[in-house]
Protein backbone atom coordinates (compact mmCIF):
# COMPACT_ATOMS: atom_id res chain seq x y z
CA MET A 1 -15.74 -19.44 25.27
CA SER A 2 -12.10 -20.39 25.86
CA THR A 3 -9.22 -17.97 25.34
CA ARG A 4 -6.79 -18.98 22.58
CA SER A 5 -3.20 -17.77 22.29
CA TRP A 6 -1.34 -17.05 19.04
CA ALA A 7 2.13 -16.11 17.86
CA LEU A 8 3.25 -14.48 14.60
CA LEU A 9 6.85 -15.04 13.55
CA VAL A 10 8.24 -11.72 12.28
CA ARG A 11 9.29 -11.79 8.63
CA PRO A 12 13.05 -11.19 8.19
CA SER A 13 14.24 -8.34 5.99
CA ALA A 14 17.48 -8.04 4.05
CA ASN A 15 17.51 -4.35 4.98
CA ARG A 16 19.22 -4.23 8.39
CA VAL A 17 17.68 -0.90 9.44
CA TYR A 18 14.16 -1.90 8.39
CA ALA A 19 14.59 -5.29 10.08
CA ALA A 20 15.32 -3.51 13.37
CA SER A 21 11.96 -1.71 13.08
CA GLY A 22 10.09 -4.79 11.85
CA PRO A 23 8.62 -6.00 15.18
CA GLN A 24 7.38 -2.51 16.14
CA LEU A 25 5.82 -1.98 12.70
CA LEU A 26 4.15 -5.39 12.80
CA GLU A 27 2.67 -4.63 16.23
CA ALA A 28 1.16 -1.38 14.93
CA GLU A 29 -0.07 -3.08 11.76
CA VAL A 30 -1.82 -5.85 13.71
CA ALA A 31 -3.38 -3.30 16.07
CA VAL A 32 -4.76 -1.34 13.09
CA LEU A 33 -6.09 -4.54 11.50
CA ASP A 34 -7.79 -5.42 14.77
CA ALA A 35 -9.28 -1.93 15.14
CA THR A 36 -10.71 -1.98 11.61
CA VAL A 37 -11.80 -5.18 9.86
CA LEU A 38 -11.39 -7.56 12.83
CA ASP A 39 -13.66 -5.48 15.08
CA GLY A 40 -11.44 -5.64 18.16
CA ARG A 41 -11.46 -9.42 18.60
CA LEU A 42 -7.72 -9.61 19.42
CA ARG A 43 -6.34 -9.04 22.91
CA ASP A 44 -2.94 -8.55 24.59
CA ILE A 45 -1.11 -7.64 21.36
CA GLY A 46 2.62 -7.31 21.95
CA ILE A 47 6.14 -8.38 21.00
CA ARG A 48 7.93 -11.04 23.03
CA ASP A 49 10.92 -13.31 22.54
CA LEU A 50 10.26 -17.05 22.29
CA GLY A 51 13.45 -19.06 22.22
CA GLY A 52 15.43 -15.89 21.56
CA VAL A 53 13.39 -14.99 18.46
CA PRO A 54 10.93 -12.04 18.30
CA TYR A 55 7.28 -12.99 17.86
CA LEU A 56 4.13 -10.92 17.95
CA THR A 57 1.72 -12.60 20.36
CA PHE A 58 -1.96 -12.04 21.04
CA THR A 59 -5.03 -13.81 22.38
CA SER A 60 -8.58 -14.20 21.10
CA ASP A 61 -11.88 -15.34 22.53
CA GLY A 62 -12.29 -18.65 20.78
CA ASP A 63 -10.75 -19.76 17.48
CA LEU A 64 -9.82 -17.50 14.58
CA ASP A 65 -12.20 -17.94 11.66
CA ALA A 66 -11.18 -18.14 8.00
CA HIS A 67 -11.86 -14.42 7.48
CA ALA A 68 -9.50 -13.42 10.30
CA ILE A 69 -6.75 -15.80 9.16
CA ALA A 70 -7.05 -14.50 5.60
CA HIS A 71 -6.55 -10.92 6.78
CA LEU A 72 -3.69 -11.86 9.11
CA SER A 73 -2.06 -13.59 6.13
CA THR A 74 -1.82 -10.25 4.30
CA LEU A 75 0.30 -8.62 7.03
CA SER A 76 3.50 -7.16 5.64
CA GLY A 77 5.54 -8.46 8.57
CA ILE A 78 4.15 -11.99 8.94
CA TYR A 79 6.37 -14.99 8.24
CA ALA A 80 4.36 -17.73 9.96
CA LEU A 81 1.36 -18.05 12.28
CA PHE A 82 1.15 -20.44 15.21
CA GLU A 83 -1.37 -21.32 17.87
CA ARG A 84 0.31 -21.50 21.25
CA GLU A 85 -0.43 -24.65 23.23
CA GLY A 86 1.52 -24.42 26.47
CA GLU A 87 5.18 -24.40 25.50
CA HIS A 88 4.43 -25.65 22.00
CA LEU A 89 3.64 -23.83 18.75
CA ARG A 90 1.18 -25.43 16.32
CA PRO A 91 1.51 -24.09 12.74
CA VAL A 92 -1.59 -22.52 11.21
CA GLU A 93 -1.85 -22.55 7.42
CA LEU A 94 -1.84 -19.05 5.97
CA ALA A 95 -4.16 -17.98 3.15
CA ALA A 96 -1.95 -15.92 0.85
CA LEU A 97 -3.72 -13.17 -1.10
CA GLN A 98 -1.77 -13.51 -4.32
CA LEU A 99 -3.28 -13.30 -7.80
CA PHE A 100 0.15 -12.90 -9.45
CA ASP A 101 3.67 -13.95 -8.42
CA GLU A 102 5.37 -11.79 -5.80
CA ASP A 103 8.58 -11.53 -7.84
CA LEU A 104 6.74 -8.68 -9.60
CA LEU A 105 7.67 -6.78 -6.42
CA THR A 106 11.13 -8.12 -5.71
CA ILE A 107 12.93 -8.40 -9.06
CA GLN A 108 13.43 -4.66 -9.60
CA LYS A 109 16.49 -3.28 -7.82
CA TYR A 110 17.41 0.39 -8.02
CA VAL A 111 18.67 3.22 -5.85
CA GLY A 112 15.88 4.77 -3.81
CA LYS A 113 13.46 1.86 -4.09
CA THR A 114 11.06 1.68 -1.15
CA ASN A 115 11.29 -1.54 0.85
CA GLU A 116 8.67 -4.01 -0.45
CA LEU A 117 7.46 -4.81 3.06
CA PHE A 118 6.80 -1.14 3.75
CA THR A 119 4.99 -0.77 0.42
CA ARG A 120 2.64 -3.57 1.48
CA LEU A 121 2.19 -2.10 4.97
CA LEU A 122 1.16 1.31 3.60
CA LEU A 123 -1.31 -0.24 1.18
CA ASN A 124 -2.70 -2.58 3.87
CA VAL A 125 -3.47 0.05 6.49
CA THR A 126 -4.97 2.38 3.88
CA LEU A 127 -7.27 -0.30 2.51
CA TRP A 128 -8.29 -1.49 6.01
CA ALA A 129 -9.29 2.07 6.89
CA SER A 130 -11.47 2.35 3.79
CA HIS A 131 -14.97 1.19 2.90
CA VAL A 132 -13.49 -1.84 1.08
CA GLY A 133 -11.24 -3.03 3.93
CA ALA A 134 -13.26 -6.12 4.79
CA ASP A 135 -13.46 -7.06 1.09
CA LEU A 136 -9.70 -7.14 0.50
CA VAL A 137 -9.53 -10.92 0.94
CA ALA A 138 -12.82 -11.65 -0.87
CA GLY A 139 -11.04 -12.47 -4.16
CA ALA A 140 -13.39 -13.56 -6.93
CA ALA A 141 -16.39 -12.92 -4.67
CA ARG A 142 -15.92 -9.16 -5.00
CA GLU A 143 -18.53 -7.41 -7.11
CA ARG A 144 -15.73 -5.43 -8.78
CA PRO A 145 -11.96 -5.10 -8.35
CA ILE A 146 -10.77 -2.68 -5.70
CA ARG A 147 -9.20 0.33 -7.42
CA VAL A 148 -5.96 1.87 -6.08
CA LEU A 149 -4.18 5.09 -7.08
CA ASP A 150 -0.58 6.12 -6.38
CA PRO A 151 -0.15 9.68 -7.66
CA MET A 152 3.65 9.66 -7.05
CA CYS A 153 4.35 6.09 -8.05
CA GLY A 154 8.03 6.18 -9.08
CA ARG A 155 8.74 2.86 -10.77
CA GLY A 156 5.47 1.33 -9.67
CA SER A 157 6.12 -0.76 -6.54
CA SER A 158 2.75 0.11 -5.00
CA LEU A 159 0.98 -0.58 -8.31
CA HIS A 160 2.60 -4.02 -8.43
CA GLN A 161 1.55 -4.81 -4.84
CA ALA A 162 -2.01 -3.80 -5.67
CA LEU A 163 -1.93 -6.01 -8.77
CA VAL A 164 -0.63 -8.99 -6.75
CA TYR A 165 -3.63 -8.47 -4.45
CA GLY A 166 -5.97 -8.60 -7.44
CA CYS A 167 -6.75 -4.87 -7.44
CA ASP A 168 -6.83 -2.54 -10.42
CA ALA A 169 -4.03 0.01 -10.05
CA ASP A 170 -3.23 3.40 -11.54
CA GLY A 171 -0.20 5.56 -11.00
CA LEU A 172 1.16 8.91 -12.02
CA ASP A 173 4.68 10.29 -11.95
CA VAL A 174 6.47 13.26 -13.48
CA ASP A 175 9.82 11.46 -13.96
CA GLY A 176 10.10 10.26 -17.56
CA LYS A 177 13.03 7.95 -16.76
CA ASP A 178 10.94 6.17 -14.12
CA PHE A 179 8.09 5.83 -16.62
CA ASP A 180 10.38 4.32 -19.26
CA ALA A 181 12.08 1.97 -16.77
CA HIS A 182 8.72 0.78 -15.45
CA GLU A 183 7.35 0.18 -18.95
CA ALA A 184 10.41 -1.87 -19.96
CA PHE A 185 10.40 -3.92 -16.76
CA LEU A 186 6.68 -4.68 -16.73
CA LYS A 187 6.50 -5.68 -20.39
CA THR A 188 9.49 -8.00 -19.92
CA TRP A 189 7.99 -9.53 -16.75
CA LEU A 190 4.64 -10.19 -18.46
CA ARG A 191 6.34 -11.89 -21.41
CA ARG A 192 8.58 -14.05 -19.23
CA LYS A 193 5.61 -15.13 -17.10
CA ARG A 194 3.71 -15.98 -20.32
CA LEU A 195 0.63 -14.26 -19.02
CA LYS A 196 -2.17 -13.32 -21.37
CA HIS A 197 -2.02 -9.53 -21.57
CA THR A 198 -2.02 -6.35 -23.59
CA ALA A 199 0.37 -3.48 -22.91
CA GLU A 200 0.72 -0.26 -24.87
CA VAL A 201 1.81 3.34 -24.39
CA ILE A 202 -0.67 5.94 -25.60
CA PRO A 203 0.01 9.69 -25.97
CA ILE A 204 -2.44 11.86 -24.05
CA ARG A 205 -3.61 14.91 -25.99
CA ARG A 206 -6.33 17.45 -25.38
CA ASP A 207 -7.18 20.47 -27.58
CA GLY A 208 -4.00 19.88 -29.54
CA GLU A 209 -1.83 19.95 -26.41
CA ARG A 210 0.22 16.91 -25.43
CA LEU A 211 -0.41 16.37 -21.74
CA GLY A 212 1.68 13.24 -21.22
CA ARG A 213 1.85 9.49 -21.87
CA ARG A 214 -0.18 6.63 -20.51
CA LEU A 215 0.87 2.98 -20.15
CA GLU A 216 -2.20 0.75 -20.25
CA VAL A 217 -1.90 -2.90 -19.22
CA ALA A 218 -4.62 -5.57 -19.02
CA VAL A 219 -3.59 -8.97 -17.65
CA ALA A 220 -5.25 -12.21 -16.54
CA ARG A 221 -3.92 -14.90 -14.18
CA ASP A 222 -4.41 -17.64 -16.81
CA LYS A 223 -5.93 -18.38 -20.23
CA ASP A 224 -9.34 -19.30 -18.84
CA ALA A 225 -9.56 -16.01 -16.97
CA TRP A 226 -8.54 -14.15 -20.13
CA LYS A 227 -11.29 -15.85 -22.13
CA ALA A 228 -13.79 -15.00 -19.39
CA LYS A 229 -12.56 -11.36 -19.46
CA ASP A 230 -11.56 -11.67 -15.81
CA VAL A 231 -8.65 -9.25 -16.18
CA ARG A 232 -6.89 -6.74 -13.99
CA ARG A 233 -5.77 -3.30 -15.13
CA LEU A 234 -2.62 -1.34 -14.48
CA GLY A 235 -2.22 2.21 -15.75
CA PHE A 236 0.70 4.60 -15.44
CA VAL A 237 0.46 8.25 -16.52
CA HIS A 238 3.63 10.26 -17.15
CA ALA A 239 2.58 13.72 -15.95
CA ASP A 240 2.69 16.11 -13.00
CA THR A 241 0.78 14.87 -9.95
CA THR A 242 -0.78 18.31 -9.40
CA ARG A 243 -2.75 17.62 -12.62
CA ALA A 244 -3.97 14.18 -11.53
CA ALA A 245 -7.65 15.17 -11.76
CA GLU A 246 -7.19 15.77 -15.51
CA PHE A 247 -6.41 12.11 -16.20
CA PHE A 248 -8.93 10.11 -14.14
CA ARG A 249 -12.65 10.21 -13.55
CA PRO A 250 -13.72 11.78 -10.24
CA GLY A 251 -14.94 9.55 -7.43
CA THR A 252 -13.61 6.27 -8.85
CA PHE A 253 -10.79 5.14 -6.53
CA ASP A 254 -11.18 3.16 -3.30
CA ALA A 255 -7.72 3.95 -1.93
CA LEU A 256 -4.84 6.32 -2.59
CA VAL A 257 -1.30 5.70 -1.34
CA ALA A 258 1.67 8.02 -1.77
CA ASP A 259 5.25 7.92 -0.54
CA ALA A 260 6.12 11.63 -0.57
CA PRO A 261 9.63 12.84 -1.54
CA TYR A 262 11.92 12.69 1.48
CA GLY A 263 13.73 15.96 0.79
CA VAL A 264 17.17 14.33 0.81
CA GLN A 265 18.09 12.53 -2.43
CA HIS A 266 14.73 13.55 -3.93
CA GLY A 267 13.08 16.89 -3.32
CA ALA A 268 9.47 17.88 -3.90
CA ARG A 269 8.69 20.06 -6.90
CA ALA A 270 6.02 22.69 -6.37
CA GLY A 271 5.43 25.48 -8.87
CA GLY A 272 8.61 24.51 -10.70
CA ARG A 273 10.76 24.88 -7.56
CA LEU A 274 12.69 22.09 -5.88
CA GLU A 275 12.03 22.09 -2.12
CA ARG A 276 13.08 19.89 0.79
CA SER A 277 9.62 19.83 2.36
CA PRO A 278 6.74 18.11 0.53
CA LEU A 279 4.14 20.39 2.15
CA SER A 280 3.86 22.83 -0.78
CA LEU A 281 3.48 19.95 -3.22
CA LEU A 282 0.83 18.29 -1.04
CA GLU A 283 -1.04 21.56 -0.66
CA GLN A 284 -1.28 21.89 -4.45
CA ALA A 285 -1.94 18.22 -5.21
CA LEU A 286 -4.32 17.10 -2.44
CA PRO A 287 -7.54 18.75 -3.73
CA GLY A 288 -7.14 16.96 -7.06
CA TRP A 289 -6.30 13.65 -5.40
CA VAL A 290 -9.28 13.83 -3.06
CA SER A 291 -11.65 14.56 -5.96
CA LEU A 292 -10.74 11.17 -7.43
CA LEU A 293 -11.75 9.18 -4.33
CA ARG A 294 -15.06 7.50 -3.60
CA PRO A 295 -16.98 8.27 -0.39
CA GLY A 296 -15.46 6.11 2.35
CA ALA A 297 -12.12 5.73 0.50
CA GLY A 298 -8.81 5.66 2.36
CA LEU A 299 -5.77 7.87 1.76
CA GLY A 300 -2.37 6.85 3.11
CA LEU A 301 0.76 9.02 3.09
CA SER A 302 4.31 8.31 4.14
CA TRP A 303 6.95 11.03 4.41
CA ASN A 304 10.08 12.17 6.23
CA ILE A 305 9.07 13.88 9.48
CA TYR A 306 12.42 15.72 9.58
CA VAL A 307 11.22 17.95 6.71
CA ALA A 308 7.47 18.05 7.43
CA PRO A 309 5.96 17.84 10.95
CA ARG A 310 3.09 15.40 11.41
CA ASP A 311 0.66 18.03 12.68
CA GLU A 312 1.15 20.03 9.48
CA VAL A 313 0.28 17.01 7.36
CA VAL A 314 -2.80 16.38 9.53
CA ARG A 315 -3.81 20.01 9.00
CA LEU A 316 -3.50 19.71 5.22
CA LEU A 317 -5.63 16.57 5.10
CA ALA A 318 -8.30 18.14 7.31
CA SER A 319 -8.38 21.23 5.08
CA CYS A 320 -9.42 18.94 2.21
CA GLY A 321 -12.30 17.49 4.20
CA LEU A 322 -10.56 14.25 5.19
CA GLU A 323 -10.82 12.54 8.57
CA ALA A 324 -7.25 11.92 9.77
CA LEU A 325 -6.78 8.77 11.88
CA ASP A 326 -4.32 10.17 14.35
CA ASP A 327 -4.57 8.27 17.62
CA GLY A 328 -3.87 4.86 19.15
CA PRO A 329 -2.19 2.35 16.81
CA TRP A 330 -2.33 4.81 13.89
CA ARG A 331 0.56 6.67 15.53
CA GLY A 332 2.78 3.61 15.79
CA PHE A 333 4.44 3.62 12.35
CA ALA A 334 7.29 6.15 12.69
CA HIS A 335 10.63 4.44 12.04
CA ARG A 336 14.18 5.23 11.02
CA VAL A 337 15.21 4.80 7.38
CA ASP A 338 18.67 6.34 7.64
CA ALA A 339 20.43 9.16 9.50
CA SER A 340 18.49 11.85 7.62
CA ILE A 341 15.10 10.14 7.24
CA GLU A 342 12.56 9.28 9.93
CA ARG A 343 9.56 7.96 8.02
CA ASP A 344 6.01 8.14 9.33
CA VAL A 345 2.58 7.08 8.05
CA LEU A 346 -0.68 9.01 8.23
CA VAL A 347 -3.98 7.51 7.08
CA ALA A 348 -7.21 9.45 6.49
CA ARG A 349 -10.72 8.67 5.27
CA VAL A 350 -13.12 10.41 2.92
CA PRO A 351 -16.42 10.88 4.79
CA ALA A 352 -18.86 8.16 3.78
CA GLY A 353 -21.88 10.43 3.49
């Protein structure tokens, strides 16, 4: 079997600081993809300049099949894929995983918004680590939609990325202004796209107590899908994340992603106190989050390592019975956000048995 050579052109980013980390993050993302759903079929993964432009290059034994190309197409940092033939690059058609338009992710602009490329990266590596990783690109062939939870979802960027992928998505956030802004944006986007949908806000009450509000959205990619009841769900609960287990059925999510407060502009609230470190919040919230996950599900966290050491986060995940993936390419995601934030990613799995 002949060895084939490939090159990924790194996607540019309007964020100068994130763009500087882009090649390194793409290298780690490809290595994680290879170690999970691609079963180690890629070799010699690394960044090199071709014509003065950074590419991620790798080799494979034989050609890449449709399954591998589909997964490579989901990479957060990919702009184009080429097969290398001597000094020449032959374009390879990508297979975009996109049920809905990506402007769902890019239109919203606000202070503190997480970079869309990083949002996709965090969701990707979490899903690949989970029991549904190989099914991410299956599309309509899936027996059921993959279900994703973000228990600190802000204005919903991760929920929107999951929806674009064709997943069902649920989020929870304590900030009422974020809830209201997300509701207004999403309803406007759905109307302007002329998508068949329903969207309503429902008060959540139990034993006479008002626990919060829930935005419930059902949407289909076109009229035929709507008639066939081939719809995707998005839910957003306005409530404290430490009460997440009160709002969702246990053991029903395939993946959980959370971008923890960085302790700079936004602190973490635990027991009513505002703290720089998210560790107290995670300690209170993690047991409830984990109870919502299926066996084999993935959990992905990002946070500022200046306010919470990585080994402490690993310890917290292990104390909840999770298997932290803490070696090799899984340790390649730390990157600078600004002078006071060094962001890292930690992924863990719920035991399958």
